[in-house]
C-alpha cells in the first residue's frame, strides 16, 4: 500500500490512464472488426469507408500513446493489404 502522497497520486493516475488506454484499444478493435466483417461479406464500398475510419482511429490512438506508432503502422499496413487483395480479386472475378 502506498504511503506517500506522490505514490497515492501515481496510483490514481495509473488507474485513469489504464481505463483510457483500455477504452481506446477496445474502440480500435471494434472498428477493425467492423471493417473485416464488411470485407468478408464482400461489401467493398462500405469496407473502403470503414478502412478510412479504422485508419483515423488508429492514428488517434497512436497520438495519445495508447499504442506504439510502429504497432499502428503495422496494423494499418496489414488491413490495407487485405483491402487491396479483396479489390483485386473483385476486379479479376
PDB file of N, CA and C in Angstrom:
ATOM      1  N   UNK A   1       0.839  -1.186   0.000  1.00  0.00           N
ATOM      2  CA  UNK A   1       0.000   0.000   0.000  1.00  0.00           C
ATOM      3  C   UNK A   1       0.880   1.244   0.000  1.00  0.00           C
ATOM      4  N   UNK A   2       0.503   2.194  -0.810  1.00  0.00           N
ATOM      5  CA  UNK A   2       1.283   3.424  -0.926  1.00  0.00           C
ATOM      6  C   UNK A   2       1.134   4.269   0.337  1.00  0.00           C
ATOM      7  N   UNK A   3       2.232   4.882   0.726  1.00  0.00           N
ATOM      8  CA  UNK A   3       2.223   5.718   1.925  1.00  0.00           C
ATOM      9  C   UNK A   3       2.342   7.200   1.605  1.00  0.00           C
ATOM     10  N   UNK A   4       3.151   7.530   0.627  1.00  0.00           N
ATOM     11  CA  UNK A   4       3.396   8.942   0.338  1.00  0.00           C
ATOM     12  C   UNK A   4       2.287   9.511  -0.545  1.00  0.00           C
ATOM     13  N   UNK A   5       2.168  10.809  -0.509  1.00  0.00           N
ATOM     14  CA  UNK A   5       1.154  11.499  -1.306  1.00  0.00           C
ATOM     15  C   UNK A   5       1.419  11.278  -2.792  1.00  0.00           C
ATOM     16  N   UNK A   6       2.682  11.352  -3.181  1.00  0.00           N
ATOM     17  CA  UNK A   6       3.011  11.198  -4.600  1.00  0.00           C
ATOM     18  C   UNK A   6       2.725   9.777  -5.080  1.00  0.00           C
ATOM     19  N   UNK A   7       2.944   8.791  -4.216  1.00  0.00           N
ATOM     20  CA  UNK A   7       2.654   7.405  -4.589  1.00  0.00           C
ATOM     21  C   UNK A   7       1.153   7.187  -4.736  1.00  0.00           C
ATOM     22  N   UNK A   8       0.375   7.804  -3.863  1.00  0.00           N
ATOM     23  CA  UNK A   8      -1.086   7.702  -3.960  1.00  0.00           C
ATOM     24  C   UNK A   8      -1.594   8.378  -5.232  1.00  0.00           C
ATOM     25  N   UNK A   9      -1.002   9.512  -5.553  1.00  0.00           N
ATOM     26  CA  UNK A   9      -1.379  10.209  -6.783  1.00  0.00           C
ATOM     27  C   UNK A   9      -1.020   9.359  -7.999  1.00  0.00           C
ATOM     28  N   UNK A  10       0.130   8.729  -7.967  1.00  0.00           N
ATOM     29  CA  UNK A  10       0.567   7.885  -9.081  1.00  0.00           C
ATOM     30  C   UNK A  10      -0.403   6.714  -9.284  1.00  0.00           C
ATOM     31  N   UNK A  11      -0.913   6.167  -8.199  1.00  0.00           N
ATOM     32  CA  UNK A  11      -1.896   5.084  -8.291  1.00  0.00           C
ATOM     33  C   UNK A  11      -3.163   5.590  -8.978  1.00  0.00           C
ATOM     34  N   UNK A  12      -3.617   6.784  -8.603  1.00  0.00           N
ATOM     35  CA  UNK A  12      -4.806   7.368  -9.242  1.00  0.00           C
ATOM     36  C   UNK A  12      -4.564   7.615 -10.722  1.00  0.00           C
ATOM     37  N   UNK A  13      -3.400   8.131 -11.065  1.00  0.00           N
ATOM     38  CA  UNK A  13      -3.073   8.399 -12.471  1.00  0.00           C
ATOM     39  C   UNK A  13      -3.010   7.108 -13.281  1.00  0.00           C
ATOM     40  N   UNK A  14      -2.388   6.088 -12.695  1.00  0.00           N
ATOM     41  CA  UNK A  14      -2.286   4.799 -13.398  1.00  0.00           C
ATOM     42  C   UNK A  14      -3.655   4.218 -13.681  1.00  0.00           C
ATOM     43  N   UNK A  15      -4.554   4.310 -12.730  1.00  0.00           N
ATOM     44  CA  UNK A  15      -5.917   3.793 -12.912  1.00  0.00           C
ATOM     45  C   UNK A  15      -6.632   4.550 -14.036  1.00  0.00           C
ATOM     46  N   UNK A  16      -6.514   5.860 -14.001  1.00  0.00           N
ATOM     47  CA  UNK A  16      -7.167   6.701 -15.021  1.00  0.00           C
ATOM     48  C   UNK A  16      -6.594   6.404 -16.409  1.00  0.00           C
ATOM     49  N   UNK A  17      -5.279   6.305 -16.509  1.00  0.00           N
ATOM     50  CA  UNK A  17      -4.645   6.025 -17.795  1.00  0.00           C
ATOM     51  C   UNK A  17      -4.976   4.623 -18.287  1.00  0.00           C
ATOM     52  N   UNK A  18      -5.052   3.663 -17.368  1.00  0.00           N
ATOM     53  CA  UNK A  18      -5.389   2.299 -17.737  1.00  0.00           C
ATOM     54  C   UNK A  18      -6.791   2.240 -18.343  1.00  0.00           C
ATOM     55  N   UNK A  19      -7.724   2.953 -17.724  1.00  0.00           N
ATOM     56  CA  UNK A  19      -9.093   2.977 -18.251  1.00  0.00           C
ATOM     57  C   UNK A  19      -9.138   3.635 -19.634  1.00  0.00           C
ATOM     58  N   UNK A  20      -8.409   4.727 -19.795  1.00  0.00           N
ATOM     59  CA  UNK A  20      -8.388   5.428 -21.084  1.00  0.00           C
ATOM     60  C   UNK A  20      -7.773   4.538 -22.165  1.00  0.00           C
ATOM     61  N   UNK A  21      -6.658   3.903 -21.846  1.00  0.00           N
ATOM     62  CA  UNK A  21      -6.000   3.025 -22.818  1.00  0.00           C
ATOM     63  C   UNK A  21      -6.886   1.854 -23.182  1.00  0.00           C
ATOM     64  N   UNK A  22      -7.558   1.281 -22.203  1.00  0.00           N
ATOM     65  CA  UNK A  22      -8.445   0.148 -22.455  1.00  0.00           C
ATOM     66  C   UNK A  22      -9.588   0.558 -23.370  1.00  0.00           C
ATOM     67  N   UNK A  23     -10.156   1.726 -23.143  1.00  0.00           N
ATOM     68  CA  UNK A  23     -11.237   2.231 -23.993  1.00  0.00           C
ATOM     69  C   UNK A  23     -10.744   2.443 -25.422  1.00  0.00           C
ATOM     70  N   UNK A  24      -9.577   3.059 -25.558  1.00  0.00           N
ATOM     71  CA  UNK A  24      -9.039   3.331 -26.895  1.00  0.00           C
ATOM     72  C   UNK A  24      -8.753   2.047 -27.660  1.00  0.00           C
ATOM     73  N   UNK A  25      -8.168   1.077 -26.989  1.00  0.00           N
ATOM     74  CA  UNK A  25      -7.848  -0.187 -27.647  1.00  0.00           C
ATOM     75  C   UNK A  25      -9.114  -0.942 -28.026  1.00  0.00           C
ATOM     76  N   UNK A  26     -10.116  -0.889 -27.176  1.00  0.00           N
ATOM     77  CA  UNK A  26     -11.387  -1.546 -27.465  1.00  0.00           C
ATOM     78  C   UNK A  26     -12.054  -0.900 -28.675  1.00  0.00           C
ATOM     79  N   UNK A  27     -11.989   0.424 -28.748  1.00  0.00           N
ATOM     80  CA  UNK A  27     -12.574   1.156 -29.865  1.00  0.00           C
ATOM     81  C   UNK A  27     -11.897   0.751 -31.180  1.00  0.00           C
ATOM     82  N   UNK A  28     -10.582   0.612 -31.163  1.00  0.00           N
ATOM     83  CA  UNK A  28      -9.845   0.214 -32.361  1.00  0.00           C
ATOM     84  C   UNK A  28     -10.228  -1.205 -32.769  1.00  0.00           C
ATOM     85  N   UNK A  29     -10.341  -2.099 -31.793  1.00  0.00           N
ATOM     86  CA  UNK A  29     -10.710  -3.481 -32.098  1.00  0.00           C
ATOM     87  C   UNK A  29     -12.103  -3.548 -32.708  1.00  0.00           C
ATOM     88  N   UNK A  30     -13.034  -2.743 -32.199  1.00  0.00           N
ATOM     89  CA  UNK A  30     -14.390  -2.729 -32.728  1.00  0.00           C
ATOM     90  C   UNK A  30     -14.399  -2.235 -34.165  1.00  0.00           C
ATOM     91  N   UNK A  31     -13.696  -1.152 -34.431  1.00  0.00           N
ATOM     92  CA  UNK A  31     -13.634  -0.613 -35.789  1.00  0.00           C
ATOM     93  C   UNK A  31     -12.987  -1.612 -36.740  1.00  0.00           C
ATOM     94  N   UNK A  32     -11.946  -2.280 -36.290  1.00  0.00           N
ATOM     95  CA  UNK A  32     -11.266  -3.274 -37.116  1.00  0.00           C
ATOM     96  C   UNK A  32     -12.196  -4.439 -37.417  1.00  0.00           C
ATOM     97  N   UNK A  33     -12.937  -4.875 -36.411  1.00  0.00           N
ATOM     98  CA  UNK A  33     -13.873  -5.976 -36.577  1.00  0.00           C
ATOM     99  C   UNK A  33     -14.956  -5.625 -37.596  1.00  0.00           C
ATOM    100  N   UNK A  34     -15.460  -4.399 -37.533  1.00  0.00           N
ATOM    101  CA  UNK A  34     -16.474  -3.950 -38.497  1.00  0.00           C
ATOM    102  C   UNK A  34     -15.907  -3.976 -39.915  1.00  0.00           C
ATOM    103  N   UNK A  35     -14.683  -3.495 -40.066  1.00  0.00           N
ATOM    104  CA  UNK A  35     -14.038  -3.471 -41.382  1.00  0.00           C
ATOM    105  C   UNK A  35     -13.873  -4.884 -41.921  1.00  0.00           C
ATOM    106  N   UNK A  36     -13.362  -5.785 -41.097  1.00  0.00           N
ATOM    107  CA  UNK A  36     -13.125  -7.161 -41.550  1.00  0.00           C
ATOM    108  C   UNK A  36     -14.434  -7.874 -41.882  1.00  0.00           C
ATOM    109  N   UNK A  37     -15.480  -7.564 -41.136  1.00  0.00           N
ATOM    110  CA  UNK A  37     -16.779  -8.171 -41.413  1.00  0.00           C
ATOM    111  C   UNK A  37     -17.311  -7.701 -42.766  1.00  0.00           C
ATOM    112  N   UNK A  38     -17.195  -6.422 -43.050  1.00  0.00           N
ATOM    113  CA  UNK A  38     -17.620  -5.894 -44.349  1.00  0.00           C
ATOM    114  C   UNK A  38     -16.795  -6.500 -45.474  1.00  0.00           C
ATOM    115  N   UNK A  39     -15.520  -6.661 -45.234  1.00  0.00           N
ATOM    116  CA  UNK A  39     -14.634  -7.256 -46.234  1.00  0.00           C
ATOM    117  C   UNK A  39     -15.027  -8.706 -46.494  1.00  0.00           C
ATOM    118  N   UNK A  40     -15.340  -9.417 -45.436  1.00  0.00           N
ATOM    119  CA  UNK A  40     -15.727 -10.823 -45.557  1.00  0.00           C
ATOM    120  C   UNK A  40     -17.068 -10.970 -46.296  1.00  0.00           C
ATOM    121  N   UNK A  41     -17.969 -10.017 -46.081  1.00  0.00           N
ATOM    122  CA  UNK A  41     -19.274 -10.051 -46.744  1.00  0.00           C
ATOM    123  C   UNK A  41     -19.182  -9.663 -48.211  1.00  0.00           C
ATOM    124  N   UNK A  42     -18.094  -9.026 -48.592  1.00  0.00           N
ATOM    125  CA  UNK A  42     -17.894  -8.621 -49.974  1.00  0.00           C
ATOM    126  C   UNK A  42     -18.421  -7.230 -50.291  1.00  0.00           C
ATOM    127  N   UNK A  43     -18.782  -6.480 -49.282  1.00  0.00           N
ATOM    128  CA  UNK A  43     -19.263  -5.108 -49.485  1.00  0.00           C
ATOM    129  C   UNK A  43     -18.049  -4.182 -49.525  1.00  0.00           C
ATOM    130  N   UNK A  44     -17.428  -4.088 -50.700  1.00  0.00           N
ATOM    131  CA  UNK A  44     -16.144  -3.397 -50.808  1.00  0.00           C
ATOM    132  C   UNK A  44     -16.269  -1.883 -50.673  1.00  0.00           C
ATOM    133  N   UNK A  45     -17.381  -1.318 -51.135  1.00  0.00           N
ATOM    134  CA  UNK A  45     -17.561   0.135 -50.996  1.00  0.00           C
ATOM    135  C   UNK A  45     -17.617   0.520 -49.517  1.00  0.00           C
ATOM    136  N   UNK A  46     -18.428  -0.212 -48.769  1.00  0.00           N
ATOM    137  CA  UNK A  46     -18.533   0.067 -47.335  1.00  0.00           C
ATOM    138  C   UNK A  46     -17.224  -0.262 -46.620  1.00  0.00           C
ATOM    139  N   UNK A  47     -16.535  -1.285 -47.093  1.00  0.00           N
ATOM    140  CA  UNK A  47     -15.255  -1.663 -46.481  1.00  0.00           C
ATOM    141  C   UNK A  47     -14.227  -0.556 -46.663  1.00  0.00           C
ATOM    142  N   UNK A  48     -14.247   0.098 -47.814  1.00  0.00           N
ATOM    143  CA  UNK A  48     -13.300   1.201 -48.033  1.00  0.00           C
ATOM    144  C   UNK A  48     -13.584   2.345 -47.068  1.00  0.00           C
ATOM    145  N   UNK A  49     -14.860   2.641 -46.849  1.00  0.00           N
ATOM    146  CA  UNK A  49     -15.219   3.671 -45.878  1.00  0.00           C
ATOM    147  C   UNK A  49     -14.820   3.279 -44.470  1.00  0.00           C
ATOM    148  N   UNK A  50     -15.038   2.022 -44.139  1.00  0.00           N
ATOM    149  CA  UNK A  50     -14.673   1.533 -42.808  1.00  0.00           C
ATOM    150  C   UNK A  50     -13.163   1.539 -42.632  1.00  0.00           C
ATOM    151  N   UNK A  51     -12.425   1.274 -43.709  1.00  0.00           N
ATOM    152  CA  UNK A  51     -10.966   1.281 -43.632  1.00  0.00           C
ATOM    153  C   UNK A  51     -10.450   2.674 -43.283  1.00  0.00           C
ATOM    154  N   UNK A  52     -11.024   3.686 -43.890  1.00  0.00           N
ATOM    155  CA  UNK A  52     -10.580   5.044 -43.563  1.00  0.00           C
ATOM    156  C   UNK A  52     -10.907   5.379 -42.111  1.00  0.00           C
ATOM    157  N   UNK A  53     -12.025   4.860 -41.618  1.00  0.00           N
ATOM    158  CA  UNK A  53     -12.394   5.079 -40.215  1.00  0.00           C
ATOM    159  C   UNK A  53     -11.414   4.369 -39.285  1.00  0.00           C
ATOM    160  N   UNK A  54     -11.022   3.154 -39.656  1.00  0.00           N
ATOM    161  CA  UNK A  54     -10.052   2.402 -38.847  1.00  0.00           C
ATOM    162  C   UNK A  54      -8.717   3.145 -38.822  1.00  0.00           C
ATOM    163  N   UNK A  55      -8.291   3.635 -39.976  1.00  0.00           N
ATOM    164  CA  UNK A  55      -7.030   4.391 -40.029  1.00  0.00           C
ATOM    165  C   UNK A  55      -7.088   5.606 -39.120  1.00  0.00           C
ATOM    166  N   UNK A  56      -8.204   6.311 -39.159  1.00  0.00           N
ATOM    167  CA  UNK A  56      -8.368   7.501 -38.337  1.00  0.00           C
ATOM    168  C   UNK A  56      -8.260   7.143 -36.857  1.00  0.00           C
ATOM    169  N   UNK A  57      -8.973   6.091 -36.453  1.00  0.00           N
ATOM    170  CA  UNK A  57      -8.946   5.676 -35.051  1.00  0.00           C
ATOM    171  C   UNK A  57      -7.540   5.232 -34.622  1.00  0.00           C
ATOM    172  N   UNK A  58      -6.871   4.485 -35.491  1.00  0.00           N
ATOM    173  CA  UNK A  58      -5.519   4.035 -35.161  1.00  0.00           C
ATOM    174  C   UNK A  58      -4.582   5.227 -34.989  1.00  0.00           C
ATOM    175  N   UNK A  59      -4.687   6.210 -35.868  1.00  0.00           N
ATOM    176  CA  UNK A  59      -3.836   7.387 -35.755  1.00  0.00           C
ATOM    177  C   UNK A  59      -4.129   8.158 -34.468  1.00  0.00           C
ATOM    178  N   UNK A  60      -5.401   8.233 -34.095  1.00  0.00           N
ATOM    179  CA  UNK A  60      -5.759   8.915 -32.854  1.00  0.00           C
ATOM    180  C   UNK A  60      -5.163   8.201 -31.646  1.00  0.00           C
ATOM    181  N   UNK A  61      -5.249   6.877 -31.651  1.00  0.00           N
ATOM    182  CA  UNK A  61      -4.727   6.099 -30.528  1.00  0.00           C
ATOM    183  C   UNK A  61      -3.208   6.217 -30.453  1.00  0.00           C
ATOM    184  N   UNK A  62      -2.558   6.247 -31.608  1.00  0.00           N
ATOM    185  CA  UNK A  62      -1.104   6.410 -31.622  1.00  0.00           C
ATOM    186  C   UNK A  62      -0.717   7.787 -31.091  1.00  0.00           C
ATOM    187  N   UNK A  63      -1.491   8.801 -31.442  1.00  0.00           N
ATOM    188  CA  UNK A  63      -1.195  10.154 -30.987  1.00  0.00           C
ATOM    189  C   UNK A  63      -1.324  10.254 -29.468  1.00  0.00           C
ATOM    190  N   UNK A  64      -2.256   9.518 -28.895  1.00  0.00           N
ATOM    191  CA  UNK A  64      -2.457   9.537 -27.448  1.00  0.00           C
ATOM    192  C   UNK A  64      -1.443   8.658 -26.714  1.00  0.00           C
ATOM    193  N   UNK A  65      -0.783   7.769 -27.454  1.00  0.00           N
ATOM    194  CA  UNK A  65       0.222   6.919 -26.835  1.00  0.00           C
ATOM    195  C   UNK A  65      -0.321   5.606 -26.296  1.00  0.00           C
ATOM    196  N   UNK A  66      -1.581   5.294 -26.590  1.00  0.00           N
ATOM    197  CA  UNK A  66      -2.142   4.026 -26.123  1.00  0.00           C
ATOM    198  C   UNK A  66      -1.524   2.845 -26.857  1.00  0.00           C
ATOM    199  N   UNK A  67      -1.196   3.052 -28.115  1.00  0.00           N
ATOM    200  CA  UNK A  67      -0.483   2.054 -28.906  1.00  0.00           C
ATOM    201  C   UNK A  67       0.755   2.711 -29.495  1.00  0.00           C
ATOM    202  N   UNK A  68       1.808   1.951 -29.657  1.00  0.00           N
ATOM    203  CA  UNK A  68       3.045   2.470 -30.245  1.00  0.00           C
ATOM    204  C   UNK A  68       2.812   2.777 -31.725  1.00  0.00           C
ATOM    205  N   UNK A  69       3.485   3.769 -32.232  1.00  0.00           N
ATOM    206  CA  UNK A  69       3.265   4.184 -33.623  1.00  0.00           C
ATOM    207  C   UNK A  69       3.662   3.108 -34.621  1.00  0.00           C
ATOM    208  N   UNK A  70       4.659   2.297 -34.284  1.00  0.00           N
ATOM    209  CA  UNK A  70       5.032   1.203 -35.182  1.00  0.00           C
ATOM    210  C   UNK A  70       3.972   0.111 -35.196  1.00  0.00           C
ATOM    211  N   UNK A  71       3.354  -0.132 -34.068  1.00  0.00           N
ATOM    212  CA  UNK A  71       2.252  -1.095 -33.992  1.00  0.00           C
ATOM    213  C   UNK A  71       1.098  -0.618 -34.859  1.00  0.00           C
ATOM    214  N   UNK A  72       0.803   0.662 -34.771  1.00  0.00           N
ATOM    215  CA  UNK A  72      -0.276   1.242 -35.576  1.00  0.00           C
ATOM    216  C   UNK A  72       0.058   1.138 -37.057  1.00  0.00           C
ATOM    217  N   UNK A  73       1.283   1.437 -37.418  1.00  0.00           N
ATOM    218  CA  UNK A  73       1.697   1.360 -38.822  1.00  0.00           C
ATOM    219  C   UNK A  73       1.573  -0.062 -39.342  1.00  0.00           C
ATOM    220  N   UNK A  74       1.958  -1.035 -38.526  1.00  0.00           N
ATOM    221  CA  UNK A  74       1.870  -2.440 -38.931  1.00  0.00           C
ATOM    222  C   UNK A  74       0.420  -2.859 -39.138  1.00  0.00           C
ATOM    223  N   UNK A  75      -0.444  -2.469 -38.234  1.00  0.00           N
ATOM    224  CA  UNK A  75      -1.856  -2.837 -38.354  1.00  0.00           C
ATOM    225  C   UNK A  75      -2.500  -2.192 -39.578  1.00  0.00           C
ATOM    226  N   UNK A  76      -2.195  -0.930 -39.804  1.00  0.00           N
ATOM    227  CA  UNK A  76      -2.749  -0.253 -40.985  1.00  0.00           C
ATOM    228  C   UNK A  76      -2.257  -0.910 -42.260  1.00  0.00           C
ATOM    229  N   UNK A  77      -1.005  -1.288 -42.289  1.00  0.00           N
ATOM    230  CA  UNK A  77      -0.432  -1.928 -43.464  1.00  0.00           C
ATOM    231  C   UNK A  77      -1.112  -3.261 -43.745  1.00  0.00           C
ATOM    232  N   UNK A  78      -1.325  -4.042 -42.715  1.00  0.00           N
ATOM    233  CA  UNK A  78      -1.952  -5.351 -42.889  1.00  0.00           C
ATOM    234  C   UNK A  78      -3.394  -5.221 -43.358  1.00  0.00           C
ATOM    235  N   UNK A  79      -4.108  -4.260 -42.799  1.00  0.00           N
ATOM    236  CA  UNK A  79      -5.501  -4.065 -43.213  1.00  0.00           C
ATOM    237  C   UNK A  79      -5.571  -3.546 -44.647  1.00  0.00           C
ATOM    238  N   UNK A  80      -4.652  -2.658 -45.001  1.00  0.00           N
ATOM    239  CA  UNK A  80      -4.621  -2.124 -46.369  1.00  0.00           C
ATOM    240  C   UNK A  80      -4.317  -3.233 -47.367  1.00  0.00           C
ATOM    241  N   UNK A  81      -3.432  -4.133 -46.982  1.00  0.00           N
ATOM    242  CA  UNK A  81      -3.090  -5.260 -47.848  1.00  0.00           C
ATOM    243  C   UNK A  81      -4.309  -6.149 -48.084  1.00  0.00           C
ATOM    244  N   UNK A  82      -5.088  -6.372 -47.034  1.00  0.00           N
ATOM    245  CA  UNK A  82      -6.290  -7.199 -47.178  1.00  0.00           C
ATOM    246  C   UNK A  82      -7.324  -6.516 -48.061  1.00  0.00           C
ATOM    247  N   UNK A  83      -7.482  -5.214 -47.896  1.00  0.00           N
ATOM    248  CA  UNK A  83      -8.428  -4.471 -48.722  1.00  0.00           C
ATOM    249  C   UNK A  83      -7.996  -4.498 -50.184  1.00  0.00           C
ATOM    250  N   UNK A  84      -6.718  -4.281 -50.418  1.00  0.00           N
ATOM    251  CA  UNK A  84      -6.201  -4.271 -51.784  1.00  0.00           C
ATOM    252  C   UNK A  84      -6.384  -5.628 -52.437  1.00  0.00           C
ATOM    253  N   UNK A  85      -6.144  -6.701 -51.695  1.00  0.00           N
ATOM    254  CA  UNK A  85      -6.319  -8.057 -52.233  1.00  0.00           C
ATOM    255  C   UNK A  85      -7.782  -8.315 -52.568  1.00  0.00           C
ATOM    256  N   UNK A  86      -8.688  -7.856 -51.717  1.00  0.00           N
ATOM    257  CA  UNK A  86     -10.112  -8.054 -51.966  1.00  0.00           C
ATOM    258  C   UNK A  86     -10.557  -7.277 -53.204  1.00  0.00           C
ATOM    259  N   UNK A  87     -10.051  -6.055 -53.350  1.00  0.00           N
ATOM    260  CA  UNK A  87     -10.403  -5.244 -54.517  1.00  0.00           C
ATOM    261  C   UNK A  87      -9.845  -5.873 -55.790  1.00  0.00           C
ATOM    262  N   UNK A  88      -8.650  -6.408 -55.704  1.00  0.00           N
ATOM    263  CA  UNK A  88      -8.030  -7.039 -56.880  1.00  0.00           C
ATOM    264  C   UNK A  88      -8.806  -8.299 -57.283  1.00  0.00           C
ATOM    265  N   UNK A  89      -9.226  -9.097 -56.294  1.00  0.00           N
ATOM    266  CA  UNK A  89      -9.961 -10.323 -56.623  1.00  0.00           C
ATOM    267  C   UNK A  89     -11.344  -9.992 -57.164  1.00  0.00           C
ATOM    268  N   UNK A  90     -11.944  -8.868 -56.720  1.00  0.00           N
ATOM    269  CA  UNK A  90     -13.244  -8.465 -57.236  1.00  0.00           C
ATOM    270  C   UNK A  90     -13.135  -8.002 -58.678  1.00  0.00           C
ATOM    271  N   UNK A  91     -12.040  -7.345 -59.012  1.00  0.00           N
ATOM    272  CA  UNK A  91     -11.841  -6.873 -60.393  1.00  0.00           C
ATOM    273  C   UNK A  91     -11.527  -8.011 -61.347  1.00  0.00           C
ATOM    274  N   UNK A  92     -10.835  -9.042 -60.862  1.00  0.00           N
ATOM    275  CA  UNK A  92     -10.480 -10.172 -61.696  1.00  0.00           C
ATOM    276  C   UNK A  92     -11.702 -11.062 -61.919  1.00  0.00           C
ATOM    277  N   UNK A  93     -12.463 -11.287 -60.844  1.00  0.00           N
ATOM    278  CA  UNK A  93     -13.589 -12.215 -60.882  1.00  0.00           C
ATOM    279  C   UNK A  93     -14.798 -11.720 -61.513  1.00  0.00           C
TER     280      UNK A  93
END
